[in-house]
Amino acid sequence: MVIYGVYIVSKSGGLIFNYDHNIPRVEAEKTFGFPLDIKLQYENKKVIVAFGQRDGINVGHVLLSVNGTPVSGRTTEDGRDVFDIIETKENYPLSLKFGRARATTNEKIVLASMFYPLFALASQLSPVPKCSGIESLTADTFKLSCFQTLTGVKFIIVTDPNMQGAEVVLKRIYELYSDYALKNPFYSLEMPIRCELFDTSLHTLLELVEKSGTANL
């Protein structure tokens, strides 16, 4: 069982906790001739693939290195502009390495705020009264499972699509939240969770689930 990450969304839709547990690195390196047959653009302080998927390189992937030299923003480690390099014919062939971008904290906050109205919309669209909203969402590469408490706080885990027993894991995370966050006299509701005991207990729980499954929870 592989658990990629844990998110906790407050009843008002704000991200109050996120934990990246086991996110695999996705990288692809290829040697290109001139002209470059994929389109790159600079966006959110990263050079990303805007058009032209091929050989494991997908739209949205970030340029990581040019001829083995790491890229930061739009410049290489030795100070050269990436777009000057790829637009100059004499620099070819070029070896470019791309990888999937890790979501920043701000991007995670935006995603949490987007999930909140989707959850509410799913509840309203249901033909059955008192629908609990989105409990599970499965894609080809991941599965999102959600548990909402009676107070409206949402616990979300992103896992391998074959993950079984996600609801058990979510309830155990809720128990840890109740024990270590809510009982902490310095924690205020709706505020980001910063509790070392909660962090370490959560990490231990996720390690146990990946090694032994959910039978022992």
N, C-alpha and C. Protein backbone atom coordinates (compact mmCIF):
# COMPACT_ATOMS: atom_id res chain seq x y z
N MET A 1 0.84 -1.19 0.00
CA MET A 1 0.00 0.00 0.00
C MET A 1 0.88 1.24 0.00
N VAL A 2 0.57 2.18 -0.87
CA VAL A 2 1.36 3.40 -0.98
C VAL A 2 0.46 4.59 -0.70
N ILE A 3 0.87 5.40 0.29
CA ILE A 3 0.14 6.61 0.64
C ILE A 3 1.01 7.80 0.24
N TYR A 4 0.49 8.64 -0.64
CA TYR A 4 1.27 9.75 -1.15
C TYR A 4 1.22 10.98 -0.24
N GLY A 5 0.07 11.27 0.32
CA GLY A 5 -0.02 12.47 1.14
C GLY A 5 -1.31 12.55 1.93
N VAL A 6 -1.29 13.41 2.95
CA VAL A 6 -2.45 13.62 3.83
C VAL A 6 -2.76 15.11 3.87
N TYR A 7 -4.05 15.44 3.81
CA TYR A 7 -4.48 16.84 3.86
C TYR A 7 -5.66 16.95 4.82
N ILE A 8 -5.69 18.05 5.56
CA ILE A 8 -6.82 18.33 6.44
C ILE A 8 -7.37 19.71 6.06
N VAL A 9 -8.66 19.76 5.76
CA VAL A 9 -9.31 20.99 5.33
C VAL A 9 -10.33 21.40 6.38
N SER A 10 -10.27 22.65 6.80
CA SER A 10 -11.18 23.13 7.84
C SER A 10 -12.61 23.22 7.32
N LYS A 11 -13.55 23.44 8.23
CA LYS A 11 -14.96 23.50 7.84
C LYS A 11 -15.26 24.70 6.94
N SER A 12 -14.37 25.69 6.93
CA SER A 12 -14.56 26.86 6.06
C SER A 12 -13.81 26.72 4.73
N GLY A 13 -13.12 25.58 4.53
CA GLY A 13 -12.46 25.34 3.25
C GLY A 13 -10.99 25.68 3.19
N GLY A 14 -10.38 26.01 4.30
CA GLY A 14 -8.95 26.34 4.31
C GLY A 14 -8.09 25.13 4.62
N LEU A 15 -6.92 25.06 4.01
CA LEU A 15 -5.99 23.97 4.27
C LEU A 15 -5.27 24.23 5.59
N ILE A 16 -5.48 23.36 6.57
CA ILE A 16 -4.86 23.58 7.88
C ILE A 16 -3.73 22.58 8.15
N PHE A 17 -3.58 21.58 7.28
CA PHE A 17 -2.48 20.63 7.46
C PHE A 17 -2.24 19.89 6.15
N ASN A 18 -0.96 19.68 5.81
CA ASN A 18 -0.63 18.81 4.68
C ASN A 18 0.68 18.11 4.97
N TYR A 19 0.77 16.87 4.51
CA TYR A 19 1.95 16.06 4.77
C TYR A 19 2.25 15.19 3.55
N ASP A 20 3.40 15.43 2.92
CA ASP A 20 3.84 14.61 1.80
C ASP A 20 4.59 13.40 2.34
N HIS A 21 4.05 12.22 2.08
CA HIS A 21 4.63 11.02 2.69
C HIS A 21 5.53 10.24 1.75
N ASN A 22 5.00 9.84 0.62
CA ASN A 22 5.76 8.94 -0.25
C ASN A 22 5.47 9.28 -1.71
N ILE A 23 5.89 10.47 -2.13
CA ILE A 23 5.63 10.91 -3.50
C ILE A 23 6.80 10.50 -4.40
N PRO A 24 6.55 9.65 -5.39
CA PRO A 24 7.65 9.19 -6.25
C PRO A 24 8.16 10.30 -7.16
N ARG A 25 9.47 10.26 -7.44
CA ARG A 25 10.04 11.21 -8.39
C ARG A 25 9.79 10.69 -9.81
N VAL A 26 9.30 11.56 -10.66
CA VAL A 26 9.04 11.21 -12.06
C VAL A 26 9.95 12.07 -12.92
N GLU A 27 10.95 11.44 -13.53
CA GLU A 27 11.92 12.19 -14.33
C GLU A 27 12.15 11.49 -15.66
N ALA A 28 12.45 12.27 -16.68
CA ALA A 28 12.76 11.74 -18.01
C ALA A 28 13.81 12.63 -18.65
N GLU A 29 14.85 12.01 -19.22
CA GLU A 29 15.92 12.77 -19.87
C GLU A 29 16.04 12.31 -21.31
N LYS A 30 16.19 13.28 -22.23
CA LYS A 30 16.26 12.95 -23.64
C LYS A 30 17.17 13.95 -24.35
N THR A 31 17.85 13.46 -25.40
CA THR A 31 18.70 14.32 -26.23
C THR A 31 17.90 14.81 -27.42
N PHE A 32 17.87 16.12 -27.62
CA PHE A 32 17.07 16.74 -28.67
C PHE A 32 17.97 17.36 -29.74
N GLY A 33 17.47 17.35 -31.00
CA GLY A 33 18.11 18.06 -32.09
C GLY A 33 17.41 19.38 -32.33
N PHE A 34 18.00 20.19 -33.18
CA PHE A 34 17.42 21.51 -33.50
C PHE A 34 16.50 21.39 -34.72
N PRO A 35 15.32 22.04 -34.72
CA PRO A 35 14.76 22.84 -33.63
C PRO A 35 14.08 21.97 -32.59
N LEU A 36 13.96 22.49 -31.39
CA LEU A 36 13.32 21.75 -30.30
C LEU A 36 11.85 21.52 -30.64
N ASP A 37 11.42 20.25 -30.58
CA ASP A 37 10.05 19.93 -31.01
C ASP A 37 9.04 19.90 -29.87
N ILE A 38 9.40 20.45 -28.74
CA ILE A 38 8.43 20.67 -27.67
C ILE A 38 8.48 22.15 -27.30
N LYS A 39 7.36 22.68 -26.85
CA LYS A 39 7.29 24.11 -26.52
C LYS A 39 7.44 24.28 -25.01
N LEU A 40 8.38 25.16 -24.63
CA LEU A 40 8.60 25.46 -23.22
C LEU A 40 8.14 26.89 -22.94
N GLN A 41 7.69 27.11 -21.71
CA GLN A 41 7.33 28.46 -21.31
C GLN A 41 7.68 28.67 -19.84
N TYR A 42 7.91 29.92 -19.48
CA TYR A 42 8.27 30.26 -18.10
C TYR A 42 7.00 30.63 -17.35
N GLU A 43 6.71 29.88 -16.29
CA GLU A 43 5.45 30.07 -15.55
C GLU A 43 5.67 29.73 -14.10
N ASN A 44 5.23 30.62 -13.21
CA ASN A 44 5.37 30.42 -11.77
C ASN A 44 6.80 30.11 -11.36
N LYS A 45 7.73 30.87 -11.97
CA LYS A 45 9.17 30.77 -11.67
C LYS A 45 9.75 29.40 -12.03
N LYS A 46 9.14 28.75 -13.03
CA LYS A 46 9.64 27.46 -13.51
C LYS A 46 9.51 27.41 -15.02
N VAL A 47 10.45 26.70 -15.68
CA VAL A 47 10.34 26.45 -17.11
C VAL A 47 9.59 25.13 -17.27
N ILE A 48 8.41 25.19 -17.88
CA ILE A 48 7.58 24.00 -17.97
C ILE A 48 7.28 23.66 -19.43
N VAL A 49 6.87 22.40 -19.63
CA VAL A 49 6.46 21.94 -20.96
C VAL A 49 5.03 22.41 -21.19
N ALA A 50 4.84 23.22 -22.23
CA ALA A 50 3.51 23.76 -22.54
C ALA A 50 2.82 22.97 -23.65
N PHE A 51 3.62 22.31 -24.51
CA PHE A 51 3.04 21.58 -25.64
C PHE A 51 4.08 20.57 -26.15
N GLY A 52 3.59 19.38 -26.56
CA GLY A 52 4.47 18.41 -27.19
C GLY A 52 4.90 17.25 -26.30
N GLN A 53 3.97 16.43 -25.85
CA GLN A 53 4.30 15.27 -25.01
C GLN A 53 5.02 14.20 -25.83
N ARG A 54 6.05 13.57 -25.22
CA ARG A 54 6.76 12.48 -25.89
C ARG A 54 7.73 11.81 -24.92
N ASP A 55 7.91 10.51 -25.10
CA ASP A 55 8.94 9.73 -24.39
C ASP A 55 8.95 9.97 -22.88
N GLY A 56 7.79 9.98 -22.28
CA GLY A 56 7.70 10.17 -20.84
C GLY A 56 7.75 11.61 -20.38
N ILE A 57 7.88 12.54 -21.32
CA ILE A 57 7.87 13.98 -21.00
C ILE A 57 6.46 14.49 -21.26
N ASN A 58 5.81 15.00 -20.23
CA ASN A 58 4.41 15.39 -20.33
C ASN A 58 4.22 16.89 -20.12
N VAL A 59 3.12 17.40 -20.62
CA VAL A 59 2.76 18.80 -20.40
C VAL A 59 2.68 19.06 -18.89
N GLY A 60 3.31 20.14 -18.45
CA GLY A 60 3.34 20.47 -17.04
C GLY A 60 4.62 20.07 -16.35
N HIS A 61 5.42 19.18 -16.99
CA HIS A 61 6.69 18.79 -16.41
C HIS A 61 7.64 19.99 -16.40
N VAL A 62 8.53 20.02 -15.42
CA VAL A 62 9.46 21.13 -15.22
C VAL A 62 10.84 20.76 -15.74
N LEU A 63 11.51 21.72 -16.37
CA LEU A 63 12.89 21.50 -16.83
C LEU A 63 13.82 21.49 -15.62
N LEU A 64 14.53 20.37 -15.44
CA LEU A 64 15.40 20.21 -14.27
C LEU A 64 16.86 20.48 -14.57
N SER A 65 17.32 20.13 -15.80
CA SER A 65 18.73 20.35 -16.13
C SER A 65 18.92 20.43 -17.63
N VAL A 66 20.01 21.10 -18.03
CA VAL A 66 20.42 21.21 -19.42
C VAL A 66 21.85 20.69 -19.53
N ASN A 67 22.03 19.61 -20.29
CA ASN A 67 23.35 18.97 -20.41
C ASN A 67 23.96 18.67 -19.04
N GLY A 68 23.12 18.23 -18.12
CA GLY A 68 23.58 17.86 -16.79
C GLY A 68 23.72 19.02 -15.82
N THR A 69 23.54 20.26 -16.27
CA THR A 69 23.63 21.43 -15.40
C THR A 69 22.26 21.76 -14.84
N PRO A 70 22.10 21.76 -13.51
CA PRO A 70 20.79 22.03 -12.91
C PRO A 70 20.23 23.40 -13.31
N VAL A 71 18.90 23.45 -13.40
CA VAL A 71 18.19 24.69 -13.75
C VAL A 71 17.44 25.19 -12.53
N SER A 72 17.57 26.50 -12.26
CA SER A 72 16.82 27.15 -11.20
C SER A 72 16.09 28.34 -11.80
N GLY A 73 14.76 28.31 -11.73
CA GLY A 73 13.99 29.36 -12.40
C GLY A 73 14.15 29.21 -13.90
N ARG A 74 14.66 30.25 -14.56
CA ARG A 74 14.89 30.18 -16.00
C ARG A 74 16.37 30.24 -16.35
N THR A 75 17.23 30.06 -15.36
CA THR A 75 18.67 30.08 -15.62
C THR A 75 19.33 28.79 -15.14
N THR A 76 20.42 28.42 -15.79
CA THR A 76 21.19 27.26 -15.36
C THR A 76 22.08 27.63 -14.19
N GLU A 77 22.67 26.62 -13.59
CA GLU A 77 23.52 26.85 -12.41
C GLU A 77 24.70 27.76 -12.72
N ASP A 78 25.17 27.76 -13.98
CA ASP A 78 26.29 28.62 -14.35
C ASP A 78 25.84 29.99 -14.87
N GLY A 79 24.54 30.33 -14.69
CA GLY A 79 24.07 31.68 -14.98
C GLY A 79 23.56 31.94 -16.38
N ARG A 80 23.43 30.92 -17.22
CA ARG A 80 22.95 31.12 -18.58
C ARG A 80 21.42 31.03 -18.64
N ASP A 81 20.82 31.84 -19.52
CA ASP A 81 19.37 31.82 -19.69
C ASP A 81 18.96 30.60 -20.50
N VAL A 82 17.99 29.85 -19.98
CA VAL A 82 17.56 28.61 -20.62
C VAL A 82 17.07 28.85 -22.05
N PHE A 83 16.32 29.91 -22.26
CA PHE A 83 15.73 30.15 -23.57
C PHE A 83 16.79 30.61 -24.58
N ASP A 84 17.84 31.27 -24.10
CA ASP A 84 18.95 31.60 -24.99
C ASP A 84 19.65 30.33 -25.47
N ILE A 85 19.75 29.36 -24.58
CA ILE A 85 20.42 28.09 -24.92
C ILE A 85 19.61 27.31 -25.95
N ILE A 86 18.32 27.15 -25.72
CA ILE A 86 17.52 26.29 -26.59
C ILE A 86 17.20 26.94 -27.94
N GLU A 87 17.37 28.26 -28.02
CA GLU A 87 17.09 28.94 -29.29
C GLU A 87 18.34 29.09 -30.16
N THR A 88 19.48 28.66 -29.67
CA THR A 88 20.73 28.78 -30.42
C THR A 88 21.10 27.44 -31.04
N LYS A 89 21.12 27.38 -32.36
CA LYS A 89 21.34 26.12 -33.08
C LYS A 89 22.68 25.49 -32.75
N GLU A 90 23.70 26.32 -32.53
CA GLU A 90 25.05 25.80 -32.28
C GLU A 90 25.14 25.00 -30.97
N ASN A 91 24.17 25.14 -30.09
CA ASN A 91 24.21 24.43 -28.80
C ASN A 91 23.72 22.98 -28.90
N TYR A 92 23.16 22.63 -30.04
CA TYR A 92 22.60 21.28 -30.19
C TYR A 92 23.66 20.31 -30.66
N PRO A 93 23.45 19.00 -30.29
CA PRO A 93 22.33 18.40 -29.56
C PRO A 93 22.35 18.77 -28.08
N LEU A 94 21.14 18.86 -27.51
CA LEU A 94 20.98 19.22 -26.10
C LEU A 94 20.35 18.06 -25.33
N SER A 95 20.88 17.81 -24.16
CA SER A 95 20.29 16.81 -23.27
C SER A 95 19.47 17.53 -22.22
N LEU A 96 18.17 17.34 -22.25
CA LEU A 96 17.28 18.02 -21.32
C LEU A 96 16.61 17.01 -20.40
N LYS A 97 16.60 17.32 -19.11
CA LYS A 97 15.93 16.45 -18.14
C LYS A 97 14.70 17.17 -17.60
N PHE A 98 13.57 16.45 -17.61
CA PHE A 98 12.31 17.00 -17.12
C PHE A 98 11.79 16.14 -15.98
N GLY A 99 10.97 16.73 -15.14
CA GLY A 99 10.37 15.99 -14.05
C GLY A 99 9.05 16.61 -13.63
N ARG A 100 8.26 15.83 -12.92
CA ARG A 100 7.00 16.35 -12.42
C ARG A 100 7.26 17.32 -11.29
N ALA A 101 6.61 18.46 -11.33
CA ALA A 101 6.82 19.50 -10.32
C ALA A 101 6.16 19.11 -9.00
N ARG A 102 6.84 19.38 -7.90
CA ARG A 102 6.23 19.21 -6.58
C ARG A 102 5.33 20.41 -6.30
N ALA A 103 4.17 20.14 -5.79
CA ALA A 103 3.24 21.22 -5.48
C ALA A 103 3.77 22.08 -4.34
N THR A 104 3.71 23.39 -4.51
CA THR A 104 4.13 24.30 -3.45
C THR A 104 3.01 24.42 -2.42
N THR A 105 3.34 25.03 -1.28
CA THR A 105 2.33 25.22 -0.23
C THR A 105 1.17 26.07 -0.74
N ASN A 106 1.48 27.12 -1.50
CA ASN A 106 0.41 27.97 -2.04
C ASN A 106 -0.49 27.20 -3.00
N GLU A 107 0.11 26.33 -3.83
CA GLU A 107 -0.69 25.52 -4.76
C GLU A 107 -1.58 24.55 -4.01
N LYS A 108 -1.09 23.99 -2.90
CA LYS A 108 -1.90 23.08 -2.10
C LYS A 108 -3.07 23.82 -1.45
N ILE A 109 -2.83 25.05 -1.04
CA ILE A 109 -3.90 25.86 -0.46
C ILE A 109 -5.00 26.11 -1.50
N VAL A 110 -4.58 26.40 -2.74
CA VAL A 110 -5.55 26.62 -3.82
C VAL A 110 -6.34 25.35 -4.10
N LEU A 111 -5.66 24.21 -4.13
CA LEU A 111 -6.33 22.93 -4.40
C LEU A 111 -7.35 22.61 -3.31
N ALA A 112 -6.99 22.89 -2.06
CA ALA A 112 -7.92 22.65 -0.95
C ALA A 112 -9.16 23.52 -1.08
N SER A 113 -8.96 24.79 -1.46
CA SER A 113 -10.09 25.69 -1.60
C SER A 113 -10.98 25.30 -2.79
N MET A 114 -10.38 24.62 -3.80
CA MET A 114 -11.18 24.14 -4.93
C MET A 114 -11.97 22.88 -4.56
N PHE A 115 -11.37 22.03 -3.71
CA PHE A 115 -12.06 20.80 -3.32
C PHE A 115 -13.30 21.10 -2.50
N TYR A 116 -13.24 22.15 -1.70
CA TYR A 116 -14.36 22.49 -0.81
C TYR A 116 -15.67 22.69 -1.58
N PRO A 117 -15.72 23.55 -2.63
CA PRO A 117 -17.00 23.71 -3.35
C PRO A 117 -17.39 22.46 -4.14
N LEU A 118 -16.39 21.69 -4.62
CA LEU A 118 -16.71 20.45 -5.33
C LEU A 118 -17.40 19.46 -4.40
N PHE A 119 -16.93 19.40 -3.16
CA PHE A 119 -17.53 18.53 -2.17
C PHE A 119 -18.99 18.93 -1.92
N ALA A 120 -19.21 20.25 -1.78
CA ALA A 120 -20.57 20.75 -1.55
C ALA A 120 -21.45 20.52 -2.76
N LEU A 121 -20.89 20.69 -3.97
CA LEU A 121 -21.66 20.48 -5.19
C LEU A 121 -22.09 19.03 -5.33
N ALA A 122 -21.18 18.10 -4.98
CA ALA A 122 -21.52 16.68 -5.05
C ALA A 122 -22.67 16.35 -4.11
N SER A 123 -22.69 16.98 -2.95
CA SER A 123 -23.79 16.75 -2.00
C SER A 123 -25.11 17.23 -2.56
N GLN A 124 -25.09 18.36 -3.27
CA GLN A 124 -26.33 18.94 -3.81
C GLN A 124 -26.82 18.19 -5.05
N LEU A 125 -25.90 17.62 -5.82
CA LEU A 125 -26.27 16.90 -7.04
C LEU A 125 -26.84 15.52 -6.76
N SER A 126 -26.58 15.00 -5.59
CA SER A 126 -27.03 13.64 -5.27
C SER A 126 -28.56 13.55 -5.31
N PRO A 127 -29.10 12.52 -5.96
CA PRO A 127 -30.56 12.33 -5.96
C PRO A 127 -31.08 11.82 -4.63
N VAL A 128 -30.19 11.39 -3.76
CA VAL A 128 -30.56 10.87 -2.45
C VAL A 128 -30.35 11.95 -1.39
N PRO A 129 -31.32 12.22 -0.55
CA PRO A 129 -31.17 13.26 0.49
C PRO A 129 -30.04 12.94 1.46
N LYS A 130 -29.48 13.98 2.04
CA LYS A 130 -28.42 13.88 3.05
C LYS A 130 -27.20 13.13 2.54
N CYS A 131 -26.79 13.43 1.32
CA CYS A 131 -25.58 12.83 0.77
C CYS A 131 -24.36 13.34 1.54
N SER A 132 -23.39 12.46 1.76
CA SER A 132 -22.20 12.83 2.54
C SER A 132 -21.15 13.53 1.70
N GLY A 133 -21.37 13.70 0.40
CA GLY A 133 -20.38 14.36 -0.45
C GLY A 133 -19.38 13.38 -1.03
N ILE A 134 -18.26 13.89 -1.50
CA ILE A 134 -17.24 13.05 -2.13
C ILE A 134 -16.52 12.22 -1.07
N GLU A 135 -16.62 10.91 -1.19
CA GLU A 135 -15.90 10.01 -0.29
C GLU A 135 -14.71 9.38 -0.98
N SER A 136 -14.79 9.19 -2.29
CA SER A 136 -13.70 8.57 -3.02
C SER A 136 -13.67 9.06 -4.45
N LEU A 137 -12.47 9.33 -4.95
CA LEU A 137 -12.30 9.78 -6.33
C LEU A 137 -11.09 9.03 -6.88
N THR A 138 -11.31 8.23 -7.93
CA THR A 138 -10.24 7.38 -8.46
C THR A 138 -9.84 7.81 -9.86
N ALA A 139 -8.55 7.99 -10.07
CA ALA A 139 -7.98 8.30 -11.38
C ALA A 139 -7.07 7.15 -11.79
N ASP A 140 -6.40 7.28 -12.94
CA ASP A 140 -5.56 6.18 -13.40
C ASP A 140 -4.29 6.02 -12.59
N THR A 141 -3.83 7.09 -11.92
CA THR A 141 -2.56 7.02 -11.18
C THR A 141 -2.70 7.24 -9.67
N PHE A 142 -3.88 7.60 -9.21
CA PHE A 142 -4.05 7.83 -7.77
C PHE A 142 -5.51 7.67 -7.37
N LYS A 143 -5.71 7.61 -6.05
CA LYS A 143 -7.05 7.54 -5.49
C LYS A 143 -7.13 8.55 -4.35
N LEU A 144 -8.16 9.38 -4.35
CA LEU A 144 -8.38 10.35 -3.29
C LEU A 144 -9.55 9.86 -2.44
N SER A 145 -9.32 9.78 -1.14
CA SER A 145 -10.37 9.36 -0.21
C SER A 145 -10.59 10.46 0.82
N CYS A 146 -11.85 10.71 1.15
CA CYS A 146 -12.19 11.82 2.04
C CYS A 146 -13.14 11.36 3.14
N PHE A 147 -12.87 11.85 4.34
CA PHE A 147 -13.76 11.60 5.48
C PHE A 147 -14.09 12.94 6.12
N GLN A 148 -15.39 13.26 6.22
CA GLN A 148 -15.82 14.52 6.82
C GLN A 148 -16.40 14.25 8.20
N THR A 149 -15.92 15.00 9.19
CA THR A 149 -16.41 14.85 10.55
C THR A 149 -17.75 15.58 10.71
N LEU A 150 -18.39 15.39 11.84
CA LEU A 150 -19.68 16.05 12.10
C LEU A 150 -19.54 17.56 12.18
N THR A 151 -18.32 18.04 12.47
CA THR A 151 -18.10 19.48 12.56
C THR A 151 -17.70 20.08 11.22
N GLY A 152 -17.58 19.26 10.17
CA GLY A 152 -17.28 19.77 8.84
C GLY A 152 -15.82 19.74 8.45
N VAL A 153 -14.92 19.30 9.35
CA VAL A 153 -13.51 19.18 9.01
C VAL A 153 -13.33 17.96 8.10
N LYS A 154 -12.56 18.13 7.03
CA LYS A 154 -12.37 17.07 6.05
C LYS A 154 -10.96 16.51 6.13
N PHE A 155 -10.85 15.19 6.20
CA PHE A 155 -9.57 14.50 6.19
C PHE A 155 -9.43 13.79 4.85
N ILE A 156 -8.33 14.06 4.16
CA ILE A 156 -8.14 13.55 2.81
C ILE A 156 -6.80 12.82 2.72
N ILE A 157 -6.80 11.66 2.10
CA ILE A 157 -5.54 10.98 1.80
C ILE A 157 -5.51 10.68 0.30
N VAL A 158 -4.33 10.82 -0.28
CA VAL A 158 -4.10 10.49 -1.68
C VAL A 158 -3.20 9.26 -1.70
N THR A 159 -3.67 8.21 -2.37
CA THR A 159 -2.98 6.92 -2.32
C THR A 159 -2.84 6.31 -3.71
N ASP A 160 -2.19 5.16 -3.73
CA ASP A 160 -2.17 4.32 -4.92
C ASP A 160 -3.62 3.95 -5.27
N PRO A 161 -3.97 3.85 -6.58
CA PRO A 161 -5.37 3.56 -6.93
C PRO A 161 -5.87 2.21 -6.43
N ASN A 162 -4.97 1.29 -6.08
CA ASN A 162 -5.38 -0.03 -5.60
C ASN A 162 -5.51 -0.09 -4.09
N MET A 163 -5.35 1.02 -3.43
CA MET A 163 -5.41 1.06 -1.96
C MET A 163 -6.78 0.62 -1.45
N GLN A 164 -6.76 -0.28 -0.48
CA GLN A 164 -7.98 -0.74 0.17
C GLN A 164 -7.97 -0.33 1.63
N GLY A 165 -9.14 -0.10 2.20
CA GLY A 165 -9.23 0.24 3.61
C GLY A 165 -8.89 1.68 3.92
N ALA A 166 -9.05 2.57 2.95
CA ALA A 166 -8.71 3.98 3.17
C ALA A 166 -9.56 4.60 4.27
N GLU A 167 -10.82 4.17 4.38
CA GLU A 167 -11.71 4.75 5.39
C GLU A 167 -11.21 4.45 6.81
N VAL A 168 -10.57 3.28 6.99
CA VAL A 168 -10.02 2.93 8.30
C VAL A 168 -8.84 3.85 8.64
N VAL A 169 -7.99 4.09 7.65
CA VAL A 169 -6.84 4.98 7.85
C VAL A 169 -7.31 6.39 8.17
N LEU A 170 -8.32 6.86 7.47
CA LEU A 170 -8.83 8.21 7.71
C LEU A 170 -9.37 8.37 9.13
N LYS A 171 -10.05 7.37 9.62
CA LYS A 171 -10.60 7.45 10.98
C LYS A 171 -9.50 7.40 12.03
N ARG A 172 -8.42 6.67 11.74
CA ARG A 172 -7.28 6.65 12.67
C ARG A 172 -6.59 8.01 12.68
N ILE A 173 -6.50 8.64 11.51
CA ILE A 173 -5.91 9.99 11.46
C ILE A 173 -6.79 10.96 12.24
N TYR A 174 -8.09 10.80 12.14
CA TYR A 174 -9.02 11.65 12.89
C TYR A 174 -8.81 11.48 14.40
N GLU A 175 -8.56 10.24 14.81
CA GLU A 175 -8.30 9.98 16.23
C GLU A 175 -7.02 10.67 16.69
N LEU A 176 -5.99 10.62 15.85
CA LEU A 176 -4.73 11.30 16.19
C LEU A 176 -4.95 12.81 16.27
N TYR A 177 -5.75 13.33 15.35
CA TYR A 177 -6.09 14.76 15.35
C TYR A 177 -6.81 15.14 16.64
N SER A 178 -7.74 14.29 17.06
CA SER A 178 -8.49 14.56 18.29
C SER A 178 -7.60 14.51 19.53
N ASP A 179 -6.66 13.54 19.53
CA ASP A 179 -5.80 13.35 20.70
C ASP A 179 -4.69 14.40 20.81
N TYR A 180 -4.08 14.74 19.67
CA TYR A 180 -2.88 15.56 19.75
C TYR A 180 -3.07 17.01 19.32
N ALA A 181 -4.08 17.29 18.52
CA ALA A 181 -4.33 18.67 18.09
C ALA A 181 -5.42 19.32 18.93
N LEU A 182 -6.59 18.68 18.98
CA LEU A 182 -7.71 19.29 19.69
C LEU A 182 -7.48 19.39 21.20
N LYS A 183 -6.69 18.45 21.75
CA LYS A 183 -6.41 18.48 23.19
C LYS A 183 -5.20 19.34 23.54
N ASN A 184 -4.59 19.92 22.52
CA ASN A 184 -3.46 20.82 22.74
C ASN A 184 -3.99 22.20 23.15
N PRO A 185 -3.66 22.67 24.34
CA PRO A 185 -4.22 23.96 24.81
C PRO A 185 -3.77 25.15 23.97
N PHE A 186 -2.72 24.97 23.17
CA PHE A 186 -2.20 26.08 22.37
C PHE A 186 -2.76 26.07 20.94
N TYR A 187 -3.62 25.08 20.64
CA TYR A 187 -4.18 25.01 19.29
C TYR A 187 -5.55 25.68 19.23
N SER A 188 -5.75 26.49 18.19
CA SER A 188 -7.04 27.14 17.97
C SER A 188 -7.72 26.54 16.75
N LEU A 189 -9.01 26.30 16.83
CA LEU A 189 -9.75 25.73 15.71
C LEU A 189 -9.64 26.60 14.47
N GLU A 190 -9.62 25.94 13.30
CA GLU A 190 -9.54 26.60 12.00
C GLU A 190 -8.14 27.13 11.68
N MET A 191 -7.20 26.97 12.60
CA MET A 191 -5.85 27.45 12.37
C MET A 191 -4.95 26.29 11.93
N PRO A 192 -3.83 26.58 11.22
CA PRO A 192 -2.91 25.53 10.81
C PRO A 192 -2.44 24.69 11.99
N ILE A 193 -2.32 23.38 11.78
CA ILE A 193 -1.91 22.46 12.84
C ILE A 193 -0.39 22.39 12.89
N ARG A 194 0.17 22.82 14.00
CA ARG A 194 1.62 22.73 14.21
C ARG A 194 1.85 22.03 15.54
N CYS A 195 1.88 20.72 15.48
CA CYS A 195 2.02 19.90 16.68
C CYS A 195 2.96 18.74 16.39
N GLU A 196 4.10 18.73 17.05
CA GLU A 196 5.12 17.71 16.78
C GLU A 196 4.61 16.30 17.08
N LEU A 197 3.85 16.13 18.16
CA LEU A 197 3.33 14.81 18.51
C LEU A 197 2.38 14.29 17.43
N PHE A 198 1.58 15.19 16.87
CA PHE A 198 0.68 14.79 15.79
C PHE A 198 1.48 14.37 14.56
N ASP A 199 2.51 15.15 14.22
CA ASP A 199 3.34 14.84 13.05
C ASP A 199 4.00 13.48 13.18
N THR A 200 4.63 13.23 14.33
CA THR A 200 5.36 11.96 14.51
C THR A 200 4.40 10.77 14.56
N SER A 201 3.26 10.94 15.21
CA SER A 201 2.27 9.85 15.30
C SER A 201 1.68 9.54 13.93
N LEU A 202 1.45 10.58 13.13
CA LEU A 202 0.93 10.38 11.79
C LEU A 202 1.95 9.63 10.93
N HIS A 203 3.21 10.05 11.02
CA HIS A 203 4.26 9.37 10.26
C HIS A 203 4.34 7.90 10.64
N THR A 204 4.28 7.60 11.93
CA THR A 204 4.32 6.20 12.40
C THR A 204 3.14 5.41 11.87
N LEU A 205 1.95 6.02 11.88
CA LEU A 205 0.75 5.35 11.38
C LEU A 205 0.88 5.01 9.90
N LEU A 206 1.34 5.98 9.09
CA LEU A 206 1.45 5.75 7.65
C LEU A 206 2.50 4.69 7.33
N GLU A 207 3.60 4.67 8.09
CA GLU A 207 4.62 3.64 7.90
C GLU A 207 4.05 2.26 8.22
N LEU A 208 3.25 2.17 9.29
CA LEU A 208 2.64 0.91 9.68
C LEU A 208 1.68 0.41 8.60
N VAL A 209 0.88 1.33 8.04
CA VAL A 209 -0.08 0.94 7.00
C VAL A 209 0.65 0.43 5.76
N GLU A 210 1.73 1.08 5.37
CA GLU A 210 2.45 0.67 4.17
C GLU A 210 3.15 -0.68 4.36
N LYS A 211 3.56 -0.98 5.58
CA LYS A 211 4.26 -2.25 5.83
C LYS A 211 3.31 -3.41 6.11
N SER A 212 2.24 -3.13 6.87
CA SER A 212 1.39 -4.22 7.35
C SER A 212 -0.06 -4.14 6.89
N GLY A 213 -0.44 -3.09 6.18
CA GLY A 213 -1.82 -2.94 5.76
C GLY A 213 -2.67 -2.38 6.88
N THR A 214 -3.98 -2.48 6.71
CA THR A 214 -4.90 -1.88 7.68
C THR A 214 -5.48 -2.88 8.67
N ALA A 215 -5.06 -4.13 8.58
CA ALA A 215 -5.63 -5.17 9.44
C ALA A 215 -5.34 -4.93 10.91
N ASN A 216 -4.17 -4.32 11.22
CA ASN A 216 -3.77 -4.14 12.62
C ASN A 216 -4.19 -2.79 13.21
N LEU A 217 -4.94 -2.00 12.45
CA LEU A 217 -5.34 -0.68 12.95
C LEU A 217 -6.56 -0.78 13.88
